[in-house]
Amino acid sequence: MTPSSNDNAPWWQEAIIYQVYPRSYLDTNGDGVGDLPGITAKLDYIASLGVDIVWLSPFFKSPMKDFGYDISDYCDVDPLFGTLEDFDRLIAKAHSVGLKIMIDQVMSHTADAHPWFVESRANRDNPKSDWYVWSDPLPDGNPPNNWLSVFGGSAWQWDTRRKQYYMHNFLVSQPQLNFHNPDVQQAHLDSLRFWLERGVDGVRMDACVFHFHDRQLRSNPPALVRDTSTVTDVNPYGMQAHIHDKTQPENIAFLQKVRTLLDEFGAVSIGEVSSDDALAQMAEYTSGDDKLHMAYSFNLLTPEFSSAHIRRQVEEFNERVKDGWGSWSVGNHDAIRVATRWANGKPTPALSKLVLALQLSLKGTPCLYQGDELALTEADVPFELLQDPYGITFWPEFKGRDGCRTPMPWTSEAPNAGFTTGTPWLPVPAEHLALAESVQDQDPQSMLNFQRAIIHWRRTMPQLLRGEIAFYDVPEQALALRRDLPGHAPVLAVFNVTDQPLSFDWPQAAGAAPLEGHGLPGEVADGKVTLPAYGGWFGTLKA
């Protein structure tokens, strides 16, 4: 990275995260599933994007009922992805090309095949009997409360061995760990240390609001405002106010333990925050410099794409998260691809370029998702090829997450776009062939080369890396902002978030000097803004 604009600034506040979904990156052994050697083979490509941190979705041993987010051994690589030696080679290669590796830690639950759960469910008096959330039934045989699973139905599953219910926030096969048991916490800290000692540079904490539950198992009340940021409106999960099944205050002390361990190795953390009031948890979990380094929510992973929505999310974050740090994400393995989600039915490379430029202009650490650098659109996976149990449950109104998880298209010339020589675990959409990396690499105007260029350009602008942010009142079709950093000229930016040309007066930009090198089309002259569809402009004011 370039030197910080502030000698005391943490490096990760100026970094960019790039998420790799291992199953879909590159398959090197022909079994149709991406693997660790495939990621290692593409680390030079990832480095060419200008990113700093590579977040790897889970590659640990797993029955794969939730594709790695159901872990049966926290300290080993699933043979589907390779070996521990493959991981060590990946770490060594990443560090040699200047990349840091962040692993995904799924702490709130395990697979039901995990030895911990196998022992816990055996009877009520074994050493791990209290490692999971168990409860007797109500007198009428029903579960102890009304808690729901994110993936549909009750959050309680009857177990005939113990003649009790166990809790699961997600799949039935993902039993909830009991974080009120200190042995559970220590087991996770030990597992994390295992990877830190192997050279891991950071951790992404999956579902980190789910660690603890209400000891009294009180039922949740109805939601006063239905949460549709993390679940669709066909899912009754959003009808509850989730005040007892997650976001419990005991989580703070555990996150502090995690931070102490990470600080021992100089490693960083980012938390996935999905709750009824995500900003409240982001503020709580990132404040004080003793918990998470940064957090991201689903607030920009929603269908709404408007200047008002984006401005509201950023301003509320800044107002409520006083001394913490955020990470703005517009795409990941759980959301419809942004090139489709925000396109209003008409995805174009211009939209993808505009969205990236806007994301890179917000205060915070950007988190990018594989394939968005190619402007990949959401794949329409037919029901008979669906893999995601979430989508299978809620089909057809909600098709699940497979559409954003299809394989990376590396070349238009080889079968399966060069992803595998076998049968891919998800189909490669025909429309992705024209967007393949090999095609875009040769096109100076491609989304891929735009991303490389604007990330490089952003590094020369310390105001965009560390500056404070404020917004201007302009027509609703546009988003206009300012980034201020002491000792540097203020940077102005304006974006047309529509597919129609736009012009208006912006008196605050009068006298601003345009900046070159970002790659967006647009002009501001004498305070008059002229932007094509999905155009944008950057400029500086006199300091």
Protein backbone atom coordinates (compact mmCIF):
# COMPACT_ATOMS: atom_id res chain seq x y z
CA MET A 1 0.00 0.00 0.00
CA THR A 2 0.99 3.62 -0.39
CA PRO A 3 2.01 5.50 2.77
CA SER A 4 -0.89 6.53 4.95
CA SER A 5 -2.14 10.09 4.91
CA ASN A 6 -1.81 9.90 8.68
CA ASP A 7 1.32 8.32 10.10
CA ASN A 8 -0.74 6.83 12.93
CA ALA A 9 -3.59 5.57 10.75
CA PRO A 10 -4.20 1.81 10.88
CA TRP A 11 -3.31 0.32 7.51
CA TRP A 12 -6.58 -1.59 7.26
CA GLN A 13 -8.60 1.63 7.17
CA GLU A 14 -7.05 2.36 3.77
CA ALA A 15 -7.24 -1.22 2.53
CA ILE A 16 -9.66 -2.89 0.12
CA ILE A 17 -11.07 -6.36 0.82
CA TYR A 18 -11.79 -8.84 -1.99
CA GLN A 19 -13.99 -11.82 -1.20
CA VAL A 20 -13.25 -15.19 -2.78
CA TYR A 21 -15.91 -17.90 -2.69
CA PRO A 22 -13.60 -20.93 -3.04
CA ARG A 23 -16.16 -23.32 -4.55
CA SER A 24 -16.55 -21.03 -7.54
CA TYR A 25 -13.13 -19.51 -8.14
CA LEU A 26 -11.00 -22.08 -9.99
CA ASP A 27 -11.06 -25.89 -10.00
CA THR A 28 -7.66 -27.51 -10.58
CA ASN A 29 -8.54 -31.21 -10.22
CA GLY A 30 -11.61 -31.50 -12.45
CA ASP A 31 -14.17 -32.36 -9.78
CA GLY A 32 -16.28 -29.32 -10.61
CA VAL A 33 -15.59 -27.49 -7.34
CA GLY A 34 -13.04 -24.73 -6.88
CA ASP A 35 -10.13 -25.41 -4.54
CA LEU A 36 -7.23 -23.81 -2.67
CA PRO A 37 -4.65 -24.53 -5.41
CA GLY A 38 -7.01 -22.73 -7.80
CA ILE A 39 -7.01 -19.63 -5.60
CA THR A 40 -3.23 -19.79 -5.29
CA ALA A 41 -2.95 -19.94 -9.08
CA LYS A 42 -5.00 -16.73 -9.35
CA LEU A 43 -3.32 -14.65 -6.62
CA ASP A 44 -1.32 -12.70 -9.22
CA TYR A 45 -4.62 -11.81 -10.88
CA ILE A 46 -6.12 -10.75 -7.54
CA ALA A 47 -3.04 -8.64 -6.80
CA SER A 48 -3.45 -6.96 -10.20
CA LEU A 49 -6.85 -5.65 -9.05
CA GLY A 50 -5.12 -3.43 -6.49
CA VAL A 51 -6.81 -4.97 -3.46
CA ASP A 52 -5.05 -5.67 -0.18
CA ILE A 53 -6.95 -8.35 1.75
CA VAL A 54 -8.35 -11.60 0.36
CA TRP A 55 -11.29 -12.89 2.40
CA LEU A 56 -11.75 -16.61 1.86
CA SER A 57 -15.18 -18.07 2.52
CA PRO A 58 -14.99 -21.31 4.55
CA PHE A 59 -12.76 -24.11 3.30
CA PHE A 60 -12.81 -26.18 6.52
CA LYS A 61 -14.02 -29.75 6.87
CA SER A 62 -17.78 -29.80 6.37
CA PRO A 63 -20.69 -31.98 5.27
CA MET A 64 -21.36 -29.09 2.83
CA LYS A 65 -25.07 -28.91 3.55
CA ASP A 66 -24.57 -25.12 3.67
CA PHE A 67 -21.45 -25.25 1.50
CA GLY A 68 -18.85 -24.77 4.20
CA TYR A 69 -20.81 -22.62 6.60
CA ASP A 70 -21.53 -25.85 8.50
CA ILE A 71 -18.15 -26.81 9.93
CA SER A 72 -17.24 -30.23 11.30
CA ASP A 73 -13.56 -29.48 12.02
CA TYR A 74 -12.35 -25.93 12.59
CA CYS A 75 -8.67 -26.87 12.29
CA ASP A 76 -8.47 -28.72 8.99
CA VAL A 77 -9.11 -28.22 5.28
CA ASP A 78 -11.93 -30.17 3.66
CA PRO A 79 -10.47 -32.59 1.08
CA LEU A 80 -12.81 -31.01 -1.46
CA PHE A 81 -10.62 -27.89 -1.28
CA GLY A 82 -7.22 -29.49 -0.69
CA THR A 83 -4.94 -29.92 2.31
CA LEU A 84 -3.33 -27.91 5.06
CA GLU A 85 -0.17 -27.92 2.95
CA ASP A 86 -2.16 -26.34 0.11
CA PHE A 87 -3.31 -23.65 2.52
CA ASP A 88 0.27 -23.01 3.66
CA ARG A 89 1.32 -22.60 0.03
CA LEU A 90 -1.57 -20.19 -0.52
CA ILE A 91 -0.48 -18.07 2.45
CA ALA A 92 3.14 -18.02 1.28
CA LYS A 93 2.18 -17.02 -2.27
CA ALA A 94 -0.24 -14.34 -1.06
CA HIS A 95 2.37 -12.74 1.16
CA SER A 96 4.93 -12.85 -1.65
CA VAL A 97 2.66 -10.73 -3.88
CA GLY A 98 1.68 -8.30 -1.10
CA LEU A 99 -1.72 -9.73 -0.21
CA LYS A 100 -3.07 -10.53 3.23
CA ILE A 101 -5.36 -13.49 3.89
CA MET A 102 -8.54 -13.23 5.95
CA ILE A 103 -10.41 -16.42 6.85
CA ASP A 104 -14.11 -16.81 7.56
CA GLN A 105 -14.86 -17.94 11.12
CA VAL A 106 -18.33 -19.40 11.61
CA MET A 107 -18.53 -19.46 15.38
CA SER A 108 -22.21 -19.35 16.26
CA HIS A 109 -22.97 -22.89 15.09
CA THR A 110 -21.36 -26.08 13.81
CA ALA A 111 -22.39 -28.92 11.58
CA ASP A 112 -24.38 -31.64 13.29
CA ALA A 113 -21.53 -33.94 12.21
CA HIS A 114 -19.04 -32.04 14.38
CA PRO A 115 -17.65 -34.31 17.13
CA TRP A 116 -18.69 -31.70 19.68
CA PHE A 117 -22.35 -32.12 18.74
CA VAL A 118 -22.13 -35.88 18.34
CA GLU A 119 -20.97 -36.04 21.95
CA SER A 120 -23.38 -33.36 23.20
CA ARG A 121 -26.48 -35.08 21.81
CA ALA A 122 -25.50 -38.52 23.13
CA ASN A 123 -26.95 -37.89 26.61
CA ARG A 124 -27.48 -35.15 29.16
CA ASP A 125 -24.44 -35.74 31.37
CA ASN A 126 -21.43 -36.00 29.05
CA PRO A 127 -18.58 -33.42 29.13
CA LYS A 128 -20.05 -31.51 26.18
CA SER A 129 -23.69 -31.84 27.15
CA ASP A 130 -23.88 -28.08 27.69
CA TRP A 131 -21.92 -27.02 24.60
CA TYR A 132 -25.10 -26.46 22.57
CA VAL A 133 -28.46 -24.83 23.29
CA TRP A 134 -30.78 -27.53 24.57
CA SER A 135 -34.24 -27.21 26.10
CA ASP A 136 -37.01 -29.40 27.39
CA PRO A 137 -40.33 -29.17 25.55
CA LEU A 138 -43.27 -27.26 26.89
CA PRO A 139 -45.88 -29.39 28.68
CA ASP A 140 -47.80 -29.75 25.42
CA GLY A 141 -44.67 -30.94 23.57
CA ASN A 142 -44.06 -27.72 21.68
CA PRO A 143 -40.66 -25.99 21.50
CA PRO A 144 -39.77 -23.70 24.40
CA ASN A 145 -40.49 -20.45 22.54
CA ASN A 146 -41.38 -18.88 19.19
CA TRP A 147 -37.87 -18.36 17.80
CA LEU A 148 -37.58 -18.85 14.05
CA SER A 149 -34.83 -20.06 11.76
CA VAL A 150 -33.49 -17.69 9.11
CA PHE A 151 -33.84 -20.56 6.65
CA GLY A 152 -37.49 -21.23 7.47
CA GLY A 153 -39.57 -22.82 10.21
CA SER A 154 -38.91 -23.11 13.92
CA ALA A 155 -35.43 -22.54 15.34
CA TRP A 156 -35.91 -25.72 17.40
CA GLN A 157 -35.43 -29.33 16.36
CA TRP A 158 -36.44 -32.36 18.45
CA ASP A 159 -33.66 -34.82 19.22
CA THR A 160 -34.69 -38.35 20.20
CA ARG A 161 -31.41 -39.16 21.96
CA ARG A 162 -31.73 -36.50 24.66
CA LYS A 163 -35.49 -36.14 24.33
CA GLN A 164 -34.94 -32.39 24.13
CA TYR A 165 -35.01 -29.65 21.54
CA TYR A 166 -31.81 -28.11 20.22
CA MET A 167 -31.64 -24.63 18.74
CA HIS A 168 -30.58 -23.81 15.18
CA ASN A 169 -30.66 -20.29 13.72
CA PHE A 170 -30.11 -21.62 10.21
CA LEU A 171 -30.39 -25.19 8.90
CA VAL A 172 -31.57 -28.02 11.13
CA SER A 173 -28.10 -29.48 10.55
CA GLN A 174 -26.44 -26.36 12.02
CA PRO A 175 -26.96 -26.64 15.81
CA GLN A 176 -26.39 -23.47 17.84
CA LEU A 177 -23.42 -23.44 20.20
CA ASN A 178 -23.94 -22.31 23.80
CA PHE A 179 -21.62 -19.35 24.19
CA HIS A 180 -22.65 -18.97 27.83
CA ASN A 181 -20.33 -21.94 28.39
CA PRO A 182 -16.76 -20.57 28.72
CA ASP A 183 -15.35 -23.80 27.32
CA VAL A 184 -17.10 -23.08 24.02
CA GLN A 185 -15.54 -19.64 23.86
CA GLN A 186 -12.09 -21.02 24.62
CA ALA A 187 -12.44 -23.73 22.00
CA HIS A 188 -13.06 -21.05 19.37
CA LEU A 189 -10.15 -18.95 20.57
CA ASP A 190 -7.91 -22.02 20.35
CA SER A 191 -9.11 -22.73 16.82
CA LEU A 192 -8.48 -19.16 15.76
CA ARG A 193 -4.98 -19.28 17.26
CA PHE A 194 -4.30 -22.38 15.15
CA TRP A 195 -4.82 -20.37 11.96
CA LEU A 196 -3.10 -17.23 13.18
CA GLU A 197 -0.01 -19.29 13.90
CA ARG A 198 -0.14 -20.51 10.29
CA GLY A 199 0.15 -16.91 9.10
CA VAL A 200 -3.45 -15.78 8.69
CA ASP A 201 -3.70 -11.98 8.70
CA GLY A 202 -7.33 -11.48 9.65
CA VAL A 203 -10.71 -12.95 10.36
CA ARG A 204 -14.18 -12.28 9.02
CA MET A 205 -16.70 -13.20 11.71
CA ASP A 206 -19.76 -14.73 10.15
CA ALA A 207 -23.15 -14.04 11.75
CA CYS A 208 -21.38 -12.46 14.72
CA VAL A 209 -24.61 -11.19 16.30
CA PHE A 210 -25.79 -14.79 16.78
CA HIS A 211 -23.20 -15.98 19.31
CA PHE A 212 -25.33 -15.61 22.43
CA HIS A 213 -28.99 -16.27 23.21
CA ASP A 214 -31.26 -15.18 26.03
CA ARG A 215 -30.68 -17.59 28.94
CA GLN A 216 -34.37 -17.39 29.89
CA LEU A 217 -35.43 -18.41 26.36
CA ARG A 218 -38.04 -15.65 26.24
CA SER A 219 -40.13 -15.46 23.07
CA ASN A 220 -39.55 -12.63 20.63
CA PRO A 221 -42.27 -10.00 20.24
CA PRO A 222 -43.73 -9.09 16.84
CA ALA A 223 -41.65 -6.68 14.78
CA LEU A 224 -42.98 -3.13 14.78
CA VAL A 225 -41.14 -2.58 11.50
CA ARG A 226 -40.54 -5.65 9.40
CA ASP A 227 -36.87 -6.33 8.64
CA THR A 228 -36.41 -6.90 4.92
CA SER A 229 -32.70 -6.03 4.79
CA THR A 230 -31.55 -9.55 5.63
CA VAL A 231 -34.53 -11.69 4.62
CA THR A 232 -37.11 -11.43 1.86
CA ASP A 233 -40.75 -10.58 2.45
CA VAL A 234 -41.74 -14.22 1.85
CA ASN A 235 -39.80 -15.25 4.96
CA PRO A 236 -41.68 -14.96 8.28
CA TYR A 237 -38.35 -14.49 10.09
CA GLY A 238 -38.69 -10.77 9.45
CA MET A 239 -41.99 -10.66 11.33
CA GLN A 240 -40.27 -10.94 14.72
CA ALA A 241 -38.23 -8.40 16.65
CA HIS A 242 -35.12 -10.47 17.30
CA ILE A 243 -34.29 -9.19 20.77
CA HIS A 244 -33.84 -12.51 22.55
CA ASP A 245 -32.36 -14.95 20.03
CA LYS A 246 -29.36 -12.76 19.09
CA THR A 247 -27.58 -9.42 19.77
CA GLN A 248 -27.18 -10.25 23.45
CA PRO A 249 -24.98 -7.98 25.62
CA GLU A 250 -22.69 -10.86 26.64
CA ASN A 251 -21.26 -10.82 23.11
CA ILE A 252 -19.21 -7.71 23.90
CA ALA A 253 -16.92 -9.49 26.34
CA PHE A 254 -16.36 -12.34 23.88
CA LEU A 255 -15.46 -9.96 21.05
CA GLN A 256 -12.96 -8.34 23.41
CA LYS A 257 -11.33 -11.74 23.94
CA VAL A 258 -11.12 -12.22 20.19
CA ARG A 259 -9.55 -8.78 19.77
CA THR A 260 -6.93 -9.50 22.44
CA LEU A 261 -5.91 -12.63 20.54
CA LEU A 262 -5.87 -10.84 17.18
CA ASP A 263 -3.75 -8.03 18.60
CA GLU A 264 -1.20 -10.59 19.72
CA PHE A 265 -0.63 -11.43 16.04
CA GLY A 266 -1.32 -8.00 14.54
CA ALA A 267 -4.33 -9.44 12.72
CA VAL A 268 -7.54 -7.61 11.76
CA SER A 269 -11.23 -8.45 11.99
CA ILE A 270 -14.45 -7.59 10.24
CA GLY A 271 -17.87 -8.63 11.49
CA GLU A 272 -20.99 -9.44 9.53
CA VAL A 273 -23.83 -7.63 11.29
CA SER A 274 -27.39 -8.61 10.39
CA SER A 275 -29.92 -7.41 12.92
CA ASP A 276 -33.10 -5.39 13.30
CA ASP A 277 -30.93 -2.34 14.05
CA ALA A 278 -27.63 -3.14 12.35
CA LEU A 279 -26.15 0.30 12.95
CA ALA A 280 -26.62 -0.06 16.70
CA GLN A 281 -24.67 -3.32 16.69
CA MET A 282 -22.00 -1.93 14.36
CA ALA A 283 -21.49 0.98 16.74
CA GLU A 284 -21.39 -1.29 19.76
CA TYR A 285 -19.06 -3.86 18.21
CA THR A 286 -16.50 -1.44 16.72
CA SER A 287 -16.29 1.27 19.40
CA GLY A 288 -13.45 1.63 21.85
CA ASP A 289 -10.70 -0.01 19.77
CA ASP A 290 -11.05 -3.25 21.76
CA LYS A 291 -13.55 -5.33 19.80
CA LEU A 292 -14.00 -5.67 16.03
CA HIS A 293 -11.74 -3.54 13.84
CA MET A 294 -14.62 -2.95 11.44
CA ALA A 295 -18.08 -4.22 10.59
CA TYR A 296 -20.42 -4.32 7.64
CA SER A 297 -24.17 -4.66 7.43
CA PHE A 298 -26.66 -5.65 4.76
CA ASN A 299 -27.82 -2.02 4.45
CA LEU A 300 -26.36 -1.62 0.95
CA LEU A 301 -27.11 -5.21 -0.07
CA THR A 302 -30.79 -4.38 -0.48
CA PRO A 303 -32.74 -3.91 -3.74
CA GLU A 304 -33.05 -0.14 -3.26
CA PHE A 305 -30.57 1.91 -5.29
CA SER A 306 -31.15 5.59 -4.81
CA SER A 307 -29.16 8.60 -3.70
CA ALA A 308 -31.49 9.06 -0.74
CA HIS A 309 -30.99 5.48 0.48
CA ILE A 310 -27.21 5.57 0.21
CA ARG A 311 -26.95 8.99 1.81
CA ARG A 312 -29.25 7.95 4.66
CA GLN A 313 -27.22 4.82 5.42
CA VAL A 314 -23.91 6.68 5.48
CA GLU A 315 -25.17 9.65 7.47
CA GLU A 316 -26.87 7.43 10.05
CA PHE A 317 -23.72 5.36 10.33
CA ASN A 318 -21.58 8.45 10.92
CA GLU A 319 -24.05 9.79 13.44
CA ARG A 320 -24.31 6.59 15.46
CA VAL A 321 -20.90 4.97 15.01
CA LYS A 322 -18.79 7.68 16.55
CA ASP A 323 -15.40 6.05 17.04
CA GLY A 324 -15.80 2.78 15.13
CA TRP A 325 -15.05 1.94 11.51
CA GLY A 326 -17.32 0.61 8.82
CA SER A 327 -16.95 -1.41 5.66
CA TRP A 328 -19.31 -0.73 2.79
CA SER A 329 -20.29 -3.79 0.79
CA VAL A 330 -22.63 -3.85 -2.20
CA GLY A 331 -22.16 -7.51 -3.08
CA ASN A 332 -21.33 -10.85 -1.47
CA HIS A 333 -22.16 -14.56 -1.62
CA ASP A 334 -25.57 -14.03 0.01
CA ALA A 335 -26.98 -11.23 -2.16
CA ILE A 336 -28.25 -10.92 -5.73
CA ARG A 337 -25.39 -9.56 -7.81
CA VAL A 338 -25.32 -5.78 -7.74
CA ALA A 339 -25.08 -5.56 -11.54
CA THR A 340 -28.61 -7.02 -11.60
CA ARG A 341 -29.99 -5.90 -8.24
CA TRP A 342 -29.48 -2.18 -8.88
CA ALA A 343 -30.04 -2.20 -12.65
CA ASN A 344 -33.82 -1.80 -12.75
CA GLY A 345 -33.91 -4.58 -15.32
CA LYS A 346 -31.20 -3.08 -17.54
CA PRO A 347 -27.69 -4.08 -16.35
CA THR A 348 -24.87 -2.27 -18.14
CA PRO A 349 -21.11 -1.94 -17.66
CA ALA A 350 -21.68 1.78 -17.08
CA LEU A 351 -23.80 1.01 -14.02
CA SER A 352 -21.16 -1.36 -12.62
CA LYS A 353 -18.46 1.29 -13.07
CA LEU A 354 -20.60 3.93 -11.40
CA VAL A 355 -21.42 1.68 -8.43
CA LEU A 356 -17.76 0.83 -7.85
CA ALA A 357 -16.69 4.48 -8.06
CA LEU A 358 -19.41 5.45 -5.61
CA GLN A 359 -18.48 2.62 -3.22
CA LEU A 360 -14.82 3.64 -3.30
CA SER A 361 -15.82 7.23 -2.47
CA LEU A 362 -17.55 6.41 0.82
CA LYS A 363 -15.71 6.64 4.11
CA GLY A 364 -14.80 3.12 5.20
CA THR A 365 -13.02 -0.01 4.01
CA PRO A 366 -14.58 -1.25 0.74
CA CYS A 367 -15.42 -4.93 0.55
CA LEU A 368 -15.66 -6.26 -3.01
CA TYR A 369 -17.05 -9.60 -4.21
CA GLN A 370 -15.46 -11.85 -6.80
CA GLY A 371 -16.90 -11.39 -10.27
CA ASP A 372 -18.16 -7.88 -9.65
CA GLU A 373 -14.91 -6.70 -11.23
CA LEU A 374 -16.27 -8.36 -14.39
CA ALA A 375 -19.75 -6.83 -13.99
CA LEU A 376 -21.22 -10.32 -13.72
CA THR A 377 -25.01 -10.40 -13.62
CA GLU A 378 -27.18 -12.65 -11.46
CA ALA A 379 -27.48 -16.11 -12.98
CA ASP A 380 -30.91 -17.66 -13.45
CA VAL A 381 -30.33 -21.18 -12.13
CA PRO A 382 -33.23 -23.54 -12.91
CA PHE A 383 -34.86 -25.30 -10.00
CA GLU A 384 -33.50 -28.71 -10.97
CA LEU A 385 -29.92 -27.37 -10.72
CA LEU A 386 -30.36 -25.42 -7.48
CA GLN A 387 -27.93 -26.27 -4.70
CA ASP A 388 -28.82 -23.74 -2.02
CA PRO A 389 -31.20 -25.20 0.60
CA TYR A 390 -32.40 -21.69 1.40
CA GLY A 391 -33.58 -21.19 -2.17
CA ILE A 392 -35.09 -24.65 -2.45
CA THR A 393 -37.20 -23.95 0.65
CA PHE A 394 -38.56 -20.60 -0.55
CA TRP A 395 -38.77 -21.27 -4.31
CA PRO A 396 -40.14 -19.78 -6.52
CA GLU A 397 -40.61 -16.35 -4.93
CA PHE A 398 -37.05 -16.50 -3.58
CA LYS A 399 -34.54 -18.48 -5.59
CA GLY A 400 -31.77 -18.51 -3.02
CA ARG A 401 -28.14 -17.55 -3.33
CA ASP A 402 -26.94 -19.75 -6.18
CA GLY A 403 -27.36 -16.98 -8.76
CA CYS A 404 -24.47 -14.99 -7.28
CA ARG A 405 -22.30 -18.05 -6.66
CA THR A 406 -21.85 -19.41 -10.19
CA PRO A 407 -18.26 -20.06 -11.30
CA MET A 408 -15.86 -17.32 -12.31
CA PRO A 409 -15.56 -17.08 -16.12
CA TRP A 410 -11.85 -17.02 -16.91
CA THR A 411 -11.92 -17.50 -20.68
CA SER A 412 -14.57 -17.59 -23.38
CA GLU A 413 -12.61 -20.20 -25.33
CA ALA A 414 -12.59 -23.18 -22.95
CA PRO A 415 -15.47 -25.34 -21.70
CA ASN A 416 -17.13 -23.99 -18.56
CA ALA A 417 -15.32 -20.68 -19.12
CA GLY A 418 -12.06 -22.25 -17.96
CA PHE A 419 -13.36 -22.84 -14.44
CA THR A 420 -13.20 -26.65 -14.55
CA THR A 421 -12.54 -29.53 -16.91
CA GLY A 422 -15.34 -31.46 -15.21
CA THR A 423 -19.00 -30.70 -14.56
CA PRO A 424 -19.26 -27.46 -12.55
CA TRP A 425 -21.19 -27.61 -9.27
CA LEU A 426 -23.31 -24.74 -10.62
CA PRO A 427 -23.72 -23.98 -14.31
CA VAL A 428 -21.74 -21.24 -16.02
CA PRO A 429 -24.28 -18.85 -17.58
CA ALA A 430 -23.85 -18.41 -21.32
CA GLU A 431 -24.10 -14.64 -20.93
CA HIS A 432 -21.01 -14.64 -18.70
CA LEU A 433 -18.74 -15.90 -21.48
CA ALA A 434 -18.54 -12.45 -23.10
CA LEU A 435 -17.56 -11.06 -19.68
CA ALA A 436 -14.71 -13.52 -19.13
CA GLU A 437 -11.49 -12.27 -17.59
CA SER A 438 -9.46 -13.04 -20.72
CA VAL A 439 -11.83 -10.96 -22.84
CA GLN A 440 -11.90 -7.98 -20.51
CA ASP A 441 -8.17 -8.03 -19.86
CA GLN A 442 -7.59 -7.11 -23.52
CA ASP A 443 -10.19 -4.33 -23.56
CA PRO A 444 -8.96 -0.98 -22.16
CA GLN A 445 -12.59 0.12 -21.65
CA SER A 446 -13.71 -3.01 -19.79
CA MET A 447 -15.07 -3.10 -16.26
CA LEU A 448 -12.02 -5.13 -15.21
CA ASN A 449 -9.54 -2.51 -16.40
CA PHE A 450 -11.73 0.27 -15.04
CA GLN A 451 -11.55 -1.33 -11.59
CA ARG A 452 -7.78 -1.66 -11.77
CA ALA A 453 -7.41 1.96 -12.84
CA ILE A 454 -9.77 3.57 -10.34
CA ILE A 455 -8.34 1.62 -7.40
CA HIS A 456 -4.86 2.75 -8.40
CA TRP A 457 -6.13 6.33 -8.76
CA ARG A 458 -7.89 6.23 -5.40
CA ARG A 459 -4.60 5.40 -3.70
CA THR A 460 -3.24 8.76 -4.85
CA MET A 461 -6.14 10.57 -3.16
CA PRO A 462 -5.68 10.50 0.63
CA GLN A 463 -8.92 12.43 1.01
CA LEU A 464 -10.82 9.40 -0.34
CA LEU A 465 -8.90 7.03 1.91
CA ARG A 466 -9.24 8.83 5.22
CA GLY A 467 -11.22 12.05 4.82
CA GLU A 468 -14.44 12.91 6.57
CA ILE A 469 -17.58 12.76 4.44
CA ALA A 470 -20.50 15.13 3.95
CA PHE A 471 -23.30 15.30 1.38
CA TYR A 472 -24.86 18.11 -0.65
CA ASP A 473 -28.52 18.66 -1.41
CA VAL A 474 -28.84 18.09 -5.16
CA PRO A 475 -31.56 16.62 -7.39
CA GLU A 476 -32.57 13.12 -6.27
CA GLN A 477 -31.17 11.56 -9.44
CA ALA A 478 -27.69 12.44 -8.21
CA LEU A 479 -25.53 11.83 -5.16
CA ALA A 480 -23.04 14.58 -4.37
CA LEU A 481 -20.48 14.39 -1.59
CA ARG A 482 -17.35 15.96 -0.18
CA ARG A 483 -14.30 14.35 1.45
CA ASP A 484 -12.20 16.53 3.74
CA LEU A 485 -8.75 15.77 5.15
CA PRO A 486 -6.61 18.37 6.95
CA GLY A 487 -3.70 19.51 4.84
CA HIS A 488 -5.34 18.53 1.56
CA ALA A 489 -7.73 20.22 -0.81
CA PRO A 490 -11.31 19.02 -0.35
CA VAL A 491 -12.46 16.46 -2.93
CA LEU A 492 -15.94 16.76 -4.43
CA ALA A 493 -17.73 13.91 -6.18
CA VAL A 494 -21.08 13.68 -7.92
CA PHE A 495 -22.75 10.58 -9.37
CA ASN A 496 -25.74 10.13 -11.65
CA VAL A 497 -27.53 7.08 -10.22
CA THR A 498 -30.00 6.86 -13.13
CA ASP A 499 -29.93 5.59 -16.70
CA GLN A 500 -30.87 9.01 -18.10
CA PRO A 501 -28.62 12.04 -18.79
CA LEU A 502 -28.67 14.65 -16.06
CA SER A 503 -27.77 18.31 -15.71
CA PHE A 504 -28.30 20.78 -12.87
CA ASP A 505 -26.72 23.71 -11.06
CA TRP A 506 -24.36 22.90 -8.19
CA PRO A 507 -23.12 26.26 -6.92
CA GLN A 508 -20.87 24.75 -4.26
CA ALA A 509 -18.74 23.24 -7.04
CA ALA A 510 -18.11 26.58 -8.77
CA GLY A 511 -14.39 27.04 -9.18
CA ALA A 512 -13.61 23.37 -8.55
CA ALA A 513 -10.80 21.87 -10.61
CA PRO A 514 -11.61 18.53 -12.27
CA LEU A 515 -9.59 15.45 -11.35
CA GLU A 516 -8.46 13.08 -14.06
CA GLY A 517 -7.70 9.38 -14.00
CA HIS A 518 -10.82 7.96 -12.35
CA GLY A 519 -12.43 6.99 -15.66
CA LEU A 520 -16.00 8.21 -15.20
CA PRO A 521 -17.59 10.40 -17.89
CA GLY A 522 -19.02 13.72 -16.75
CA GLU A 523 -18.36 17.45 -16.47
CA VAL A 524 -18.76 20.23 -13.96
CA ALA A 525 -18.03 23.72 -15.24
CA ASP A 526 -18.82 26.98 -13.43
CA GLY A 527 -21.08 25.07 -11.05
CA LYS A 528 -23.07 23.44 -13.86
CA VAL A 529 -23.20 19.62 -13.70
CA THR A 530 -23.57 17.61 -16.91
CA LEU A 531 -23.55 13.85 -16.51
CA PRO A 532 -24.47 11.07 -18.94
CA ALA A 533 -26.39 8.03 -17.73
CA TYR A 534 -24.46 6.54 -14.81
CA GLY A 535 -21.85 9.23 -15.19
CA GLY A 536 -19.75 10.81 -12.49
CA TRP A 537 -17.19 13.49 -11.77
CA PHE A 538 -14.45 14.20 -9.23
CA GLY A 539 -12.85 17.55 -8.54
CA THR A 540 -10.98 19.54 -5.90
CA LEU A 541 -11.67 22.85 -4.23
CA LYS A 542 -9.03 25.26 -3.09
CA ALA A 543 -7.92 24.26 0.39
